[in-house]
């Protein structure tokens, strides 16, 4: 029995929710939001009043550039 959650699939296009983004960046939620405020990470897109998501292309670009965590 596998006790670990499966890795989120990284879509070519589309949106990633915060838990999926943080799988690739080992930081806390508050550190992610502080990084957005500081201009290190891209701001997400509000899909509804309580849902924010990030474009897969933006997250892939961060990973390729090796943005510090």
PDB file of N, CA and C in Angstrom:
ATOM      1  N   UNK A   1       0.838  -1.180   0.000  1.00  0.00           N
ATOM      2  CA  UNK A   1       0.000   0.000   0.000  1.00  0.00           C
ATOM      3  C   UNK A   1       0.883   1.244   0.000  1.00  0.00           C
ATOM      4  N   UNK A   2       0.613   2.143  -0.891  1.00  0.00           N
ATOM      5  CA  UNK A   2       1.396   3.364  -1.015  1.00  0.00           C
ATOM      6  C   UNK A   2       0.845   4.415  -0.057  1.00  0.00           C
ATOM      7  N   UNK A   3       1.685   4.881   0.868  1.00  0.00           N
ATOM      8  CA  UNK A   3       1.237   5.852   1.854  1.00  0.00           C
ATOM      9  C   UNK A   3       1.480   7.285   1.413  1.00  0.00           C
ATOM     10  N   UNK A   4       2.155   7.460   0.308  1.00  0.00           N
ATOM     11  CA  UNK A   4       2.481   8.799  -0.160  1.00  0.00           C
ATOM     12  C   UNK A   4       1.485   9.248  -1.218  1.00  0.00           C
ATOM     13  N   UNK A   5       1.210  10.534  -1.214  1.00  0.00           N
ATOM     14  CA  UNK A   5       0.322  11.086  -2.238  1.00  0.00           C
ATOM     15  C   UNK A   5       1.059  11.096  -3.567  1.00  0.00           C
ATOM     16  N   UNK A   6       0.367  10.812  -4.655  1.00  0.00           N
ATOM     17  CA  UNK A   6       1.038  10.846  -5.960  1.00  0.00           C
ATOM     18  C   UNK A   6       1.453  12.265  -6.324  1.00  0.00           C
ATOM     19  N   UNK A   7       2.522  12.355  -7.079  1.00  0.00           N
ATOM     20  CA  UNK A   7       2.994  13.664  -7.533  1.00  0.00           C
ATOM     21  C   UNK A   7       1.941  14.273  -8.451  1.00  0.00           C
ATOM     22  N   UNK A   8       1.700  15.566  -8.324  1.00  0.00           N
ATOM     23  CA  UNK A   8       0.726  16.196  -9.221  1.00  0.00           C
ATOM     24  C   UNK A   8       1.234  16.172 -10.658  1.00  0.00           C
ATOM     25  N   UNK A   9       0.324  15.982 -11.572  1.00  0.00           N
ATOM     26  CA  UNK A   9       0.699  15.995 -12.983  1.00  0.00           C
ATOM     27  C   UNK A   9       0.929  17.438 -13.403  1.00  0.00           C
ATOM     28  N   UNK A  10       1.993  17.642 -14.145  1.00  0.00           N
ATOM     29  CA  UNK A  10       2.332  18.994 -14.582  1.00  0.00           C
ATOM     30  C   UNK A  10       1.800  19.164 -15.993  1.00  0.00           C
ATOM     31  N   UNK A  11       0.707  19.909 -16.152  1.00  0.00           N
ATOM     32  CA  UNK A  11       0.110  20.060 -17.479  1.00  0.00           C
ATOM     33  C   UNK A  11       0.956  20.948 -18.385  1.00  0.00           C
ATOM     34  N   UNK A  12       0.843  20.725 -19.680  1.00  0.00           N
ATOM     35  CA  UNK A  12       1.521  21.593 -20.647  1.00  0.00           C
ATOM     36  C   UNK A  12       0.947  23.002 -20.566  1.00  0.00           C
ATOM     37  N   UNK A  13      -0.357  23.089 -20.480  1.00  0.00           N
ATOM     38  CA  UNK A  13      -1.046  24.363 -20.308  1.00  0.00           C
ATOM     39  C   UNK A  13      -2.110  24.158 -19.243  1.00  0.00           C
ATOM     40  N   UNK A  14      -2.658  25.235 -18.782  1.00  0.00           N
ATOM     41  CA  UNK A  14      -3.694  25.131 -17.762  1.00  0.00           C
ATOM     42  C   UNK A  14      -3.259  25.797 -16.477  1.00  0.00           C
ATOM     43  N   UNK A  15      -3.919  25.431 -15.402  1.00  0.00           N
ATOM     44  CA  UNK A  15      -3.689  26.074 -14.121  1.00  0.00           C
ATOM     45  C   UNK A  15      -3.331  25.057 -13.050  1.00  0.00           C
ATOM     46  N   UNK A  16      -2.538  25.519 -12.077  1.00  0.00           N
ATOM     47  CA  UNK A  16      -2.170  24.718 -10.917  1.00  0.00           C
ATOM     48  C   UNK A  16      -2.659  25.433  -9.670  1.00  0.00           C
ATOM     49  N   UNK A  17      -3.238  24.682  -8.753  1.00  0.00           N
ATOM     50  CA  UNK A  17      -3.636  25.240  -7.460  1.00  0.00           C
ATOM     51  C   UNK A  17      -2.431  25.250  -6.535  1.00  0.00           C
ATOM     52  N   UNK A  18      -2.534  25.956  -5.427  1.00  0.00           N
ATOM     53  CA  UNK A  18      -1.400  26.155  -4.530  1.00  0.00           C
ATOM     54  C   UNK A  18      -0.764  24.856  -4.030  1.00  0.00           C
ATOM     55  N   UNK A  19      -1.521  23.841  -3.602  1.00  0.00           N
ATOM     56  CA  UNK A  19      -0.852  22.604  -3.165  1.00  0.00           C
ATOM     57  C   UNK A  19       0.004  21.972  -4.266  1.00  0.00           C
ATOM     58  N   UNK A  20      -0.444  22.072  -5.507  1.00  0.00           N
ATOM     59  CA  UNK A  20       0.330  21.536  -6.628  1.00  0.00           C
ATOM     60  C   UNK A  20       1.591  22.357  -6.861  1.00  0.00           C
ATOM     61  N   UNK A  21       1.491  23.668  -6.752  1.00  0.00           N
ATOM     62  CA  UNK A  21       2.656  24.542  -6.925  1.00  0.00           C
ATOM     63  C   UNK A  21       3.683  24.262  -5.840  1.00  0.00           C
ATOM     64  N   UNK A  22       3.218  24.138  -4.600  1.00  0.00           N
ATOM     65  CA  UNK A  22       4.140  23.946  -3.482  1.00  0.00           C
ATOM     66  C   UNK A  22       4.802  22.577  -3.495  1.00  0.00           C
ATOM     67  N   UNK A  23       4.275  21.638  -4.273  1.00  0.00           N
ATOM     68  CA  UNK A  23       4.953  20.354  -4.435  1.00  0.00           C
ATOM     69  C   UNK A  23       6.317  20.575  -5.089  1.00  0.00           C
ATOM     70  N   UNK A  24       6.409  21.522  -5.996  1.00  0.00           N
ATOM     71  CA  UNK A  24       7.644  21.789  -6.731  1.00  0.00           C
ATOM     72  C   UNK A  24       8.541  22.805  -6.025  1.00  0.00           C
ATOM     73  N   UNK A  25       7.976  23.574  -5.097  1.00  0.00           N
ATOM     74  CA  UNK A  25       8.736  24.561  -4.328  1.00  0.00           C
ATOM     75  C   UNK A  25       8.573  24.211  -2.849  1.00  0.00           C
ATOM     76  N   UNK A  26       9.574  23.639  -2.228  1.00  0.00           N
ATOM     77  CA  UNK A  26       9.432  23.176  -0.832  1.00  0.00           C
ATOM     78  C   UNK A  26       9.458  24.326   0.175  1.00  0.00           C
ATOM     79  N   UNK A  27       8.431  25.148   0.129  1.00  0.00           N
ATOM     80  CA  UNK A  27       8.305  26.261   1.069  1.00  0.00           C
ATOM     81  C   UNK A  27       6.887  26.252   1.625  1.00  0.00           C
ATOM     82  N   UNK A  28       6.665  27.045   2.646  1.00  0.00           N
ATOM     83  CA  UNK A  28       5.338  27.123   3.251  1.00  0.00           C
ATOM     84  C   UNK A  28       4.415  28.023   2.423  1.00  0.00           C
ATOM     85  N   UNK A  29       3.135  27.914   2.713  1.00  0.00           N
ATOM     86  CA  UNK A  29       2.163  28.781   2.035  1.00  0.00           C
ATOM     87  C   UNK A  29       2.464  30.248   2.304  1.00  0.00           C
ATOM     88  N   UNK A  30       2.776  30.559   3.563  1.00  0.00           N
ATOM     89  CA  UNK A  30       3.033  31.963   3.901  1.00  0.00           C
ATOM     90  C   UNK A  30       4.289  32.476   3.204  1.00  0.00           C
ATOM     91  N   UNK A  31       5.305  31.619   3.043  1.00  0.00           N
ATOM     92  CA  UNK A  31       6.514  32.034   2.323  1.00  0.00           C
ATOM     93  C   UNK A  31       6.200  32.266   0.845  1.00  0.00           C
ATOM     94  N   UNK A  32       5.321  31.453   0.282  1.00  0.00           N
ATOM     95  CA  UNK A  32       4.918  31.636  -1.121  1.00  0.00           C
ATOM     96  C   UNK A  32       4.218  32.982  -1.298  1.00  0.00           C
ATOM     97  N   UNK A  33       3.255  33.288  -0.408  1.00  0.00           N
ATOM     98  CA  UNK A  33       2.530  34.557  -0.511  1.00  0.00           C
ATOM     99  C   UNK A  33       3.459  35.738  -0.279  1.00  0.00           C
ATOM    100  N   UNK A  34       4.417  35.604   0.637  1.00  0.00           N
ATOM    101  CA  UNK A  34       5.395  36.680   0.865  1.00  0.00           C
ATOM    102  C   UNK A  34       6.269  36.870  -0.367  1.00  0.00           C
ATOM    103  N   UNK A  35       6.610  35.765  -1.046  1.00  0.00           N
ATOM    104  CA  UNK A  35       7.391  35.848  -2.278  1.00  0.00           C
ATOM    105  C   UNK A  35       6.635  36.548  -3.391  1.00  0.00           C
ATOM    106  N   UNK A  36       5.344  36.354  -3.442  1.00  0.00           N
ATOM    107  CA  UNK A  36       4.517  37.060  -4.432  1.00  0.00           C
ATOM    108  C   UNK A  36       4.530  38.554  -4.130  1.00  0.00           C
ATOM    109  N   UNK A  37       4.359  38.886  -2.859  1.00  0.00           N
ATOM    110  CA  UNK A  37       4.361  40.299  -2.463  1.00  0.00           C
ATOM    111  C   UNK A  37       5.704  40.953  -2.761  1.00  0.00           C
ATOM    112  N   UNK A  38       6.803  40.187  -2.627  1.00  0.00           N
ATOM    113  CA  UNK A  38       8.150  40.712  -2.882  1.00  0.00           C
ATOM    114  C   UNK A  38       8.513  40.703  -4.364  1.00  0.00           C
ATOM    115  N   UNK A  39       7.651  40.119  -5.203  1.00  0.00           N
ATOM    116  CA  UNK A  39       7.923  40.080  -6.633  1.00  0.00           C
ATOM    117  C   UNK A  39       8.794  38.916  -7.074  1.00  0.00           C
ATOM    118  N   UNK A  40       9.017  37.940  -6.206  1.00  0.00           N
ATOM    119  CA  UNK A  40       9.837  36.777  -6.553  1.00  0.00           C
ATOM    120  C   UNK A  40       9.027  35.765  -7.354  1.00  0.00           C
ATOM    121  N   UNK A  41       7.794  35.545  -6.934  1.00  0.00           N
ATOM    122  CA  UNK A  41       6.910  34.576  -7.577  1.00  0.00           C
ATOM    123  C   UNK A  41       5.767  35.312  -8.270  1.00  0.00           C
ATOM    124  N   UNK A  42       5.198  34.718  -9.313  1.00  0.00           N
ATOM    125  CA  UNK A  42       4.106  35.393 -10.025  1.00  0.00           C
ATOM    126  C   UNK A  42       2.810  35.383  -9.223  1.00  0.00           C
ATOM    127  N   UNK A  43       2.047  36.423  -9.385  1.00  0.00           N
ATOM    128  CA  UNK A  43       0.719  36.465  -8.772  1.00  0.00           C
ATOM    129  C   UNK A  43      -0.177  35.480  -9.508  1.00  0.00           C
ATOM    130  N   UNK A  44      -1.058  34.865  -8.777  1.00  0.00           N
ATOM    131  CA  UNK A  44      -1.976  33.914  -9.385  1.00  0.00           C
ATOM    132  C   UNK A  44      -3.170  34.618 -10.005  1.00  0.00           C
ATOM    133  N   UNK A  45      -4.053  33.821 -10.546  1.00  0.00           N
ATOM    134  CA  UNK A  45      -5.284  34.310 -11.153  1.00  0.00           C
ATOM    135  C   UNK A  45      -6.441  33.880 -10.275  1.00  0.00           C
ATOM    136  N   UNK A  46      -7.296  34.832  -9.924  1.00  0.00           N
ATOM    137  CA  UNK A  46      -8.467  34.520  -9.116  1.00  0.00           C
ATOM    138  C   UNK A  46      -9.502  33.847 -10.006  1.00  0.00           C
ATOM    139  N   UNK A  47      -9.792  32.581  -9.710  1.00  0.00           N
ATOM    140  CA  UNK A  47     -10.804  31.860 -10.467  1.00  0.00           C
ATOM    141  C   UNK A  47     -12.183  32.041  -9.839  1.00  0.00           C
ATOM    142  N   UNK A  48     -12.191  32.318  -8.549  1.00  0.00           N
ATOM    143  CA  UNK A  48     -13.415  32.661  -7.835  1.00  0.00           C
ATOM    144  C   UNK A  48     -12.998  33.406  -6.574  1.00  0.00           C
ATOM    145  N   UNK A  49     -13.944  33.713  -5.721  1.00  0.00           N
ATOM    146  CA  UNK A  49     -13.635  34.491  -4.523  1.00  0.00           C
ATOM    147  C   UNK A  49     -12.616  33.798  -3.623  1.00  0.00           C
ATOM    148  N   UNK A  50     -12.617  32.462  -3.595  1.00  0.00           N
ATOM    149  CA  UNK A  50     -11.726  31.734  -2.696  1.00  0.00           C
ATOM    150  C   UNK A  50     -10.736  30.829  -3.406  1.00  0.00           C
ATOM    151  N   UNK A  51     -10.654  30.933  -4.720  1.00  0.00           N
ATOM    152  CA  UNK A  51      -9.776  30.041  -5.483  1.00  0.00           C
ATOM    153  C   UNK A  51      -8.792  30.859  -6.305  1.00  0.00           C
ATOM    154  N   UNK A  52      -7.497  30.601  -6.084  1.00  0.00           N
ATOM    155  CA  UNK A  52      -6.429  31.215  -6.862  1.00  0.00           C
ATOM    156  C   UNK A  52      -5.638  30.095  -7.515  1.00  0.00           C
ATOM    157  N   UNK A  53      -5.227  30.300  -8.746  1.00  0.00           N
ATOM    158  CA  UNK A  53      -4.434  29.300  -9.456  1.00  0.00           C
ATOM    159  C   UNK A  53      -3.355  30.008 -10.265  1.00  0.00           C
ATOM    160  N   UNK A  54      -2.322  29.255 -10.633  1.00  0.00           N
ATOM    161  CA  UNK A  54      -1.196  29.797 -11.385  1.00  0.00           C
ATOM    162  C   UNK A  54      -1.094  29.073 -12.709  1.00  0.00           C
ATOM    163  N   UNK A  55      -0.732  29.819 -13.741  1.00  0.00           N
ATOM    164  CA  UNK A  55      -0.571  29.216 -15.060  1.00  0.00           C
ATOM    165  C   UNK A  55       0.591  28.235 -15.025  1.00  0.00           C
ATOM    166  N   UNK A  56       0.412  27.085 -15.620  1.00  0.00           N
ATOM    167  CA  UNK A  56       1.466  26.071 -15.659  1.00  0.00           C
ATOM    168  C   UNK A  56       2.716  26.623 -16.335  1.00  0.00           C
ATOM    169  N   UNK A  57       2.534  27.451 -17.341  1.00  0.00           N
ATOM    170  CA  UNK A  57       3.674  28.027 -18.052  1.00  0.00           C
ATOM    171  C   UNK A  57       4.515  28.911 -17.133  1.00  0.00           C
ATOM    172  N   UNK A  58       3.860  29.673 -16.250  1.00  0.00           N
ATOM    173  CA  UNK A  58       4.589  30.543 -15.317  1.00  0.00           C
ATOM    174  C   UNK A  58       5.393  29.726 -14.309  1.00  0.00           C
ATOM    175  N   UNK A  59       4.806  28.656 -13.805  1.00  0.00           N
ATOM    176  CA  UNK A  59       5.502  27.811 -12.829  1.00  0.00           C
ATOM    177  C   UNK A  59       6.653  27.070 -13.502  1.00  0.00           C
ATOM    178  N   UNK A  60       6.434  26.596 -14.707  1.00  0.00           N
ATOM    179  CA  UNK A  60       7.510  25.916 -15.449  1.00  0.00           C
ATOM    180  C   UNK A  60       8.676  26.877 -15.684  1.00  0.00           C
ATOM    181  N   UNK A  61       8.384  28.116 -16.009  1.00  0.00           N
ATOM    182  CA  UNK A  61       9.422  29.118 -16.219  1.00  0.00           C
ATOM    183  C   UNK A  61      10.228  29.344 -14.940  1.00  0.00           C
ATOM    184  N   UNK A  62       9.554  29.411 -13.802  1.00  0.00           N
ATOM    185  CA  UNK A  62      10.258  29.560 -12.524  1.00  0.00           C
ATOM    186  C   UNK A  62      11.201  28.387 -12.278  1.00  0.00           C
ATOM    187  N   UNK A  63      10.715  27.188 -12.535  1.00  0.00           N
ATOM    188  CA  UNK A  63      11.543  25.999 -12.318  1.00  0.00           C
ATOM    189  C   UNK A  63      12.757  25.996 -13.234  1.00  0.00           C
ATOM    190  N   UNK A  64      12.580  26.399 -14.472  1.00  0.00           N
ATOM    191  CA  UNK A  64      13.690  26.411 -15.425  1.00  0.00           C
ATOM    192  C   UNK A  64      14.715  27.481 -15.085  1.00  0.00           C
ATOM    193  N   UNK A  65      14.259  28.604 -14.540  1.00  0.00           N
ATOM    194  CA  UNK A  65      15.179  29.677 -14.159  1.00  0.00           C
ATOM    195  C   UNK A  65      15.886  29.389 -12.846  1.00  0.00           C
ATOM    196  N   UNK A  66      15.376  28.435 -12.087  1.00  0.00           N
ATOM    197  CA  UNK A  66      15.986  28.113 -10.809  1.00  0.00           C
ATOM    198  C   UNK A  66      15.787  29.202  -9.774  1.00  0.00           C
ATOM    199  N   UNK A  67      14.577  29.718  -9.691  1.00  0.00           N
ATOM    200  CA  UNK A  67      14.266  30.775  -8.731  1.00  0.00           C
ATOM    201  C   UNK A  67      14.518  30.251  -7.319  1.00  0.00           C
ATOM    202  N   UNK A  68      15.182  31.039  -6.472  1.00  0.00           N
ATOM    203  CA  UNK A  68      15.474  30.568  -5.108  1.00  0.00           C
ATOM    204  C   UNK A  68      14.209  30.353  -4.295  1.00  0.00           C
ATOM    205  N   UNK A  69      14.280  29.392  -3.400  1.00  0.00           N
ATOM    206  CA  UNK A  69      13.141  29.111  -2.517  1.00  0.00           C
ATOM    207  C   UNK A  69      13.453  29.530  -1.106  1.00  0.00           C
TER     208      UNK A  69
END
